[in-house]
């Protein structure tokens, strides 16, 4: 897909949503595994199923609903992506990050990424929440490859501080306020859908990674290209391959995410409330 085609599709998606709602969010939230029903806590102004947006990629993953929720967390206007699109579903990388770009065009200034992950750091435990301080993307194509879309951002965007330091400070303060234990670390995105091998986990640990998953990094790159302020929290749902004798399964990940969901939701709410004061 050419850059002009990507931008044309993006603008068509924007036009489609604007025919349904003129809501302007400040914060965009991507709800990963275990956080899908967070949308139920939002004072909803409008909902737009992905299938109602012309050309929009639709999630095929169990547990991912597939709709935009526009509304308020406390008094902060937000748009929630209830269910994300993954590269392993077979979509072009431009389609994978299209929702992120779209939320920016709709007005969002801050991107709050959440996900479920496997723990690579040997001091992590299933159920831990991890503040993402940086990321490494392995094997997933960079969403900026190809002719630059000048309307979105510069050809060579700086990635020194992808995850905003001020937003991280707010999240850490929110964790203290809500008495939530919060790990910190580097998140690695691999393509999936297979879980990683023990050798790949040893590689990631050697590279300095603390958690691994199948999303997020490419979304952060696309958002940084557009000048968004980005933060992220990962729910460590299991220890990665080779760290225990247990086989890995999506069901295990979903169950652990569901168990950690109350603390996860509380932390997101407190953080977003404080983002509104920035």
Protein backbone atom coordinates (compact mmCIF):
# COMPACT_ATOMS: atom_id res chain seq x y z
CA UNK A 1 0.00 0.00 0.00
CA UNK A 2 1.46 3.40 -1.00
CA UNK A 3 1.70 6.32 1.40
CA UNK A 4 -0.95 8.21 -0.58
CA UNK A 5 -3.31 5.24 -0.30
CA UNK A 6 -2.66 5.00 3.44
CA UNK A 7 -3.42 8.70 3.92
CA UNK A 8 -6.53 8.58 1.72
CA UNK A 9 -7.88 5.62 3.70
CA UNK A 10 -7.11 7.43 6.96
CA UNK A 11 -9.01 10.54 5.87
CA UNK A 12 -11.98 8.43 4.74
CA UNK A 13 -12.08 6.78 8.16
CA UNK A 14 -11.97 10.20 9.82
CA UNK A 15 -14.82 11.44 7.63
CA UNK A 16 -16.87 8.34 8.41
CA UNK A 17 -16.54 8.85 12.17
CA UNK A 18 -17.25 12.57 11.89
CA UNK A 19 -20.59 11.70 10.28
CA UNK A 20 -21.46 9.89 13.51
CA UNK A 21 -19.91 12.08 16.22
CA UNK A 22 -18.05 15.39 16.56
CA UNK A 23 -16.55 14.35 19.93
CA UNK A 24 -12.97 15.62 20.41
CA UNK A 25 -10.89 13.49 22.83
CA UNK A 26 -7.81 14.59 24.73
CA UNK A 27 -6.60 11.09 25.64
CA UNK A 28 -6.64 7.99 23.42
CA UNK A 29 -6.61 4.67 25.29
CA UNK A 30 -5.88 1.31 23.70
CA UNK A 31 -7.52 -1.39 25.80
CA UNK A 32 -5.52 -4.61 25.71
CA UNK A 33 -6.40 -8.05 27.04
CA UNK A 34 -8.07 -7.83 30.46
CA UNK A 35 -9.06 -4.20 30.07
CA UNK A 36 -11.80 -4.58 27.47
CA UNK A 37 -14.62 -3.98 29.93
CA UNK A 38 -12.94 -0.80 31.17
CA UNK A 39 -15.16 0.90 28.62
CA UNK A 40 -18.10 0.07 30.90
CA UNK A 41 -16.75 2.57 33.45
CA UNK A 42 -16.73 5.44 30.95
CA UNK A 43 -19.49 8.03 30.68
CA UNK A 44 -20.21 7.26 27.04
CA UNK A 45 -21.07 9.90 24.47
CA UNK A 46 -20.82 7.74 21.33
CA UNK A 47 -19.78 4.29 20.16
CA UNK A 48 -18.55 3.39 16.69
CA UNK A 49 -18.05 -0.30 15.78
CA UNK A 50 -15.00 -0.82 13.62
CA UNK A 51 -17.16 -2.57 11.07
CA UNK A 52 -19.11 0.67 10.53
CA UNK A 53 -15.95 2.53 9.43
CA UNK A 54 -15.20 2.20 5.72
CA UNK A 55 -11.88 0.42 5.16
CA UNK A 56 -11.13 0.02 8.86
CA UNK A 57 -9.35 -3.22 9.92
CA UNK A 58 -11.45 -5.42 12.22
CA UNK A 59 -9.90 -7.39 15.10
CA UNK A 60 -10.25 -11.17 14.89
CA UNK A 61 -8.82 -12.02 18.32
CA UNK A 62 -11.07 -13.60 21.01
CA UNK A 63 -11.68 -11.11 23.81
CA UNK A 64 -11.25 -8.08 21.55
CA UNK A 65 -14.64 -6.47 20.95
CA UNK A 66 -13.79 -4.05 18.15
CA UNK A 67 -15.23 -0.57 18.61
CA UNK A 68 -14.32 3.02 19.49
CA UNK A 69 -15.83 4.35 22.70
CA UNK A 70 -16.05 8.16 23.01
CA UNK A 71 -16.77 9.60 26.43
CA UNK A 72 -15.36 10.78 29.74
CA UNK A 73 -13.10 9.35 32.44
CA UNK A 74 -13.94 11.63 35.33
CA UNK A 75 -14.12 14.90 33.34
CA UNK A 76 -11.41 14.03 30.82
CA UNK A 77 -12.60 13.47 27.21
CA UNK A 78 -11.26 10.18 25.92
CA UNK A 79 -11.53 7.80 23.01
CA UNK A 80 -11.01 4.13 23.86
CA UNK A 81 -9.98 1.55 21.34
CA UNK A 82 -11.81 -1.51 22.64
CA UNK A 83 -9.79 -4.21 20.95
CA UNK A 84 -6.71 -3.57 18.82
CA UNK A 85 -5.55 -4.92 15.49
CA UNK A 86 -2.40 -7.06 15.45
CA UNK A 87 0.16 -7.62 12.72
CA UNK A 88 -0.17 -11.40 13.13
CA UNK A 89 -3.80 -11.22 11.99
CA UNK A 90 -2.45 -10.72 8.48
CA UNK A 91 -3.01 -7.00 8.10
CA UNK A 92 -0.56 -4.64 6.43
CA UNK A 93 1.42 -2.73 9.05
CA UNK A 94 -0.22 0.48 7.79
CA UNK A 95 -3.60 -0.95 8.77
CA UNK A 96 -2.27 -2.07 12.17
CA UNK A 97 -1.37 1.52 13.11
CA UNK A 98 -4.26 3.18 11.26
CA UNK A 99 -6.42 3.35 14.44
CA UNK A 100 -3.65 5.20 16.30
CA UNK A 101 -3.26 7.73 13.52
CA UNK A 102 -7.02 8.11 13.32
CA UNK A 103 -7.36 8.91 17.03
CA UNK A 104 -4.72 11.62 16.63
CA UNK A 105 -6.62 13.14 13.70
CA UNK A 106 -9.76 13.13 15.86
CA UNK A 107 -7.98 15.34 18.38
CA UNK A 108 -6.18 13.08 20.87
CA UNK A 109 -2.97 14.56 22.25
CA UNK A 110 -1.98 11.72 24.60
CA UNK A 111 -1.82 8.01 23.76
CA UNK A 112 -2.19 5.55 26.65
CA UNK A 113 -1.19 2.06 25.48
CA UNK A 114 -2.05 -1.06 27.48
CA UNK A 115 -1.35 -4.72 26.77
CA UNK A 116 -0.89 -8.19 28.19
CA UNK A 117 2.66 -9.55 28.14
CA UNK A 118 4.96 -12.34 29.20
CA UNK A 119 7.52 -11.61 31.87
CA UNK A 120 11.14 -11.81 30.71
CA UNK A 121 12.68 -10.25 33.83
CA UNK A 122 13.31 -13.03 36.35
CA UNK A 123 12.11 -10.81 39.22
CA UNK A 124 8.64 -10.37 37.67
CA UNK A 125 5.58 -12.38 38.66
CA UNK A 126 2.30 -13.16 36.89
CA UNK A 127 -0.14 -10.36 37.63
CA UNK A 128 2.48 -7.60 37.92
CA UNK A 129 1.82 -4.29 36.20
CA UNK A 130 4.78 -2.76 34.39
CA UNK A 131 5.23 0.87 33.38
CA UNK A 132 6.76 0.83 29.91
CA UNK A 133 9.88 3.01 29.88
CA UNK A 134 11.12 2.04 26.42
CA UNK A 135 10.64 -0.62 23.77
CA UNK A 136 12.42 -2.88 21.31
CA UNK A 137 10.63 -4.02 18.17
CA UNK A 138 11.80 -7.36 16.76
CA UNK A 139 10.75 -8.58 13.31
CA UNK A 140 7.59 -6.46 13.03
CA UNK A 141 8.09 -3.96 10.16
CA UNK A 142 8.47 -0.30 11.03
CA UNK A 143 5.16 1.44 10.14
CA UNK A 144 7.07 4.40 8.69
CA UNK A 145 8.74 2.36 5.91
CA UNK A 146 7.90 3.74 2.48
CA UNK A 147 7.44 7.29 1.27
CA UNK A 148 6.91 9.60 4.24
CA UNK A 149 3.38 10.88 4.79
CA UNK A 150 4.28 14.54 5.20
CA UNK A 151 0.82 15.39 6.53
CA UNK A 152 1.50 13.17 9.55
CA UNK A 153 5.10 13.88 10.50
CA UNK A 154 8.77 14.20 9.64
CA UNK A 155 10.77 11.65 7.60
CA UNK A 156 13.17 10.79 10.45
CA UNK A 157 11.38 11.17 13.80
CA UNK A 158 13.47 11.06 16.97
CA UNK A 159 12.77 8.04 19.20
CA UNK A 160 14.97 9.00 22.16
CA UNK A 161 11.99 9.60 24.44
CA UNK A 162 9.10 7.65 22.93
CA UNK A 163 7.47 7.19 26.33
CA UNK A 164 6.96 10.64 27.83
CA UNK A 165 8.77 11.26 31.12
CA UNK A 166 6.09 13.59 32.49
CA UNK A 167 3.35 11.05 31.82
CA UNK A 168 5.45 8.34 33.50
CA UNK A 169 5.77 10.55 36.58
CA UNK A 170 1.98 10.95 36.67
CA UNK A 171 1.43 7.19 36.41
CA UNK A 172 3.93 6.42 39.17
CA UNK A 173 2.22 8.98 41.42
CA UNK A 174 -1.16 7.42 40.59
CA UNK A 175 0.18 3.98 41.54
CA UNK A 176 1.31 5.31 44.91
CA UNK A 177 -2.04 7.04 45.43
CA UNK A 178 -3.97 3.82 44.71
CA UNK A 179 -1.44 1.58 46.56
CA UNK A 180 -0.67 -0.40 43.42
CA UNK A 181 2.69 -2.11 43.03
CA UNK A 182 4.21 -1.01 39.71
CA UNK A 183 7.20 -2.54 37.99
CA UNK A 184 9.11 -0.61 35.33
CA UNK A 185 10.88 -1.86 32.27
CA UNK A 186 11.47 -2.31 28.56
CA UNK A 187 8.77 -3.96 26.45
CA UNK A 188 9.64 -6.04 23.39
CA UNK A 189 7.24 -6.61 20.50
CA UNK A 190 7.60 -9.76 18.44
CA UNK A 191 5.21 -10.62 15.65
CA UNK A 192 3.33 -13.58 17.12
CA UNK A 193 0.95 -15.35 16.93
CA UNK A 194 3.13 -18.16 18.27
CA UNK A 195 4.50 -17.57 21.74
CA UNK A 196 8.26 -17.07 21.89
CA UNK A 197 10.73 -19.94 22.21
CA UNK A 198 12.94 -20.25 25.29
CA UNK A 199 15.91 -19.24 23.13
CA UNK A 200 14.11 -16.10 21.97
CA UNK A 201 13.36 -15.23 25.60
CA UNK A 202 17.04 -15.64 26.49
CA UNK A 203 17.87 -13.35 23.56
CA UNK A 204 15.41 -10.71 24.76
CA UNK A 205 16.75 -10.87 28.31
CA UNK A 206 20.27 -10.40 26.96
CA UNK A 207 19.05 -7.36 25.02
CA UNK A 208 17.68 -5.84 28.23
CA UNK A 209 13.98 -6.55 27.78
CA UNK A 210 11.68 -7.06 30.76
CA UNK A 211 8.42 -8.10 29.10
CA UNK A 212 7.37 -9.34 25.67
CA UNK A 213 4.16 -9.22 23.67
CA UNK A 214 2.68 -8.97 20.18
CA UNK A 215 1.63 -5.30 19.94
CA UNK A 216 2.31 -1.76 21.15
CA UNK A 217 5.79 -0.87 19.84
CA UNK A 218 4.65 -0.22 16.25
CA UNK A 219 1.70 1.79 17.59
CA UNK A 220 4.07 3.91 19.67
CA UNK A 221 6.30 4.55 16.64
CA UNK A 222 3.34 5.75 14.56
CA UNK A 223 2.13 7.97 17.41
CA UNK A 224 5.58 9.46 18.00
CA UNK A 225 5.80 10.24 14.28
CA UNK A 226 2.63 12.33 14.67
CA UNK A 227 3.86 14.14 17.77
CA UNK A 228 1.64 12.46 20.38
CA UNK A 229 2.71 12.14 24.01
CA UNK A 230 2.84 8.42 24.77
CA UNK A 231 2.71 6.24 27.85
CA UNK A 232 2.04 2.57 28.43
CA UNK A 233 1.33 -0.08 31.03
CA UNK A 234 1.78 -3.79 30.47
CA UNK A 235 0.06 -6.50 32.49
CA UNK A 236 2.53 -9.35 32.97
CA UNK A 237 0.17 -12.32 32.63
CA UNK A 238 2.67 -15.16 32.74
CA UNK A 239 6.38 -15.85 32.88
CA UNK A 240 7.70 -16.34 29.37
CA UNK A 241 8.76 -19.59 27.72
CA UNK A 242 11.50 -21.53 29.45
CA UNK A 243 11.10 -19.71 32.77
CA UNK A 244 8.69 -22.33 34.14
CA UNK A 245 7.77 -25.87 33.15
CA UNK A 246 4.24 -24.79 32.22
CA UNK A 247 3.13 -24.56 28.56
CA UNK A 248 1.79 -21.18 27.44
CA UNK A 249 -1.75 -20.53 26.23
CA UNK A 250 -3.95 -17.57 25.32
CA UNK A 251 -6.46 -18.77 27.91
CA UNK A 252 -3.85 -18.48 30.64
CA UNK A 253 -3.02 -14.95 29.50
CA UNK A 254 -6.69 -13.93 29.47
CA UNK A 255 -7.35 -15.40 32.93
CA UNK A 256 -4.33 -13.64 34.46
CA UNK A 257 -5.31 -10.37 32.76
CA UNK A 258 -8.85 -10.66 34.12
CA UNK A 259 -7.49 -11.24 37.65
CA UNK A 260 -5.26 -8.16 37.45
CA UNK A 261 -7.99 -6.05 35.84
CA UNK A 262 -9.29 -4.24 39.00
CA UNK A 263 -5.86 -2.79 39.84
CA UNK A 264 -5.19 -2.14 36.16
CA UNK A 265 -8.46 -0.20 35.75
CA UNK A 266 -7.89 1.76 38.96
CA UNK A 267 -4.43 2.82 37.79
CA UNK A 268 -5.69 3.85 34.34
CA UNK A 269 -8.52 5.93 35.84
CA UNK A 270 -6.30 7.75 38.34
CA UNK A 271 -3.67 8.42 35.66
CA UNK A 272 -6.12 9.71 33.06
CA UNK A 273 -7.78 11.95 35.65
CA UNK A 274 -4.41 13.56 36.29
CA UNK A 275 -3.58 13.77 32.59
CA UNK A 276 -6.59 16.06 32.34
CA UNK A 277 -4.82 18.56 34.59
CA UNK A 278 -1.80 18.80 32.30
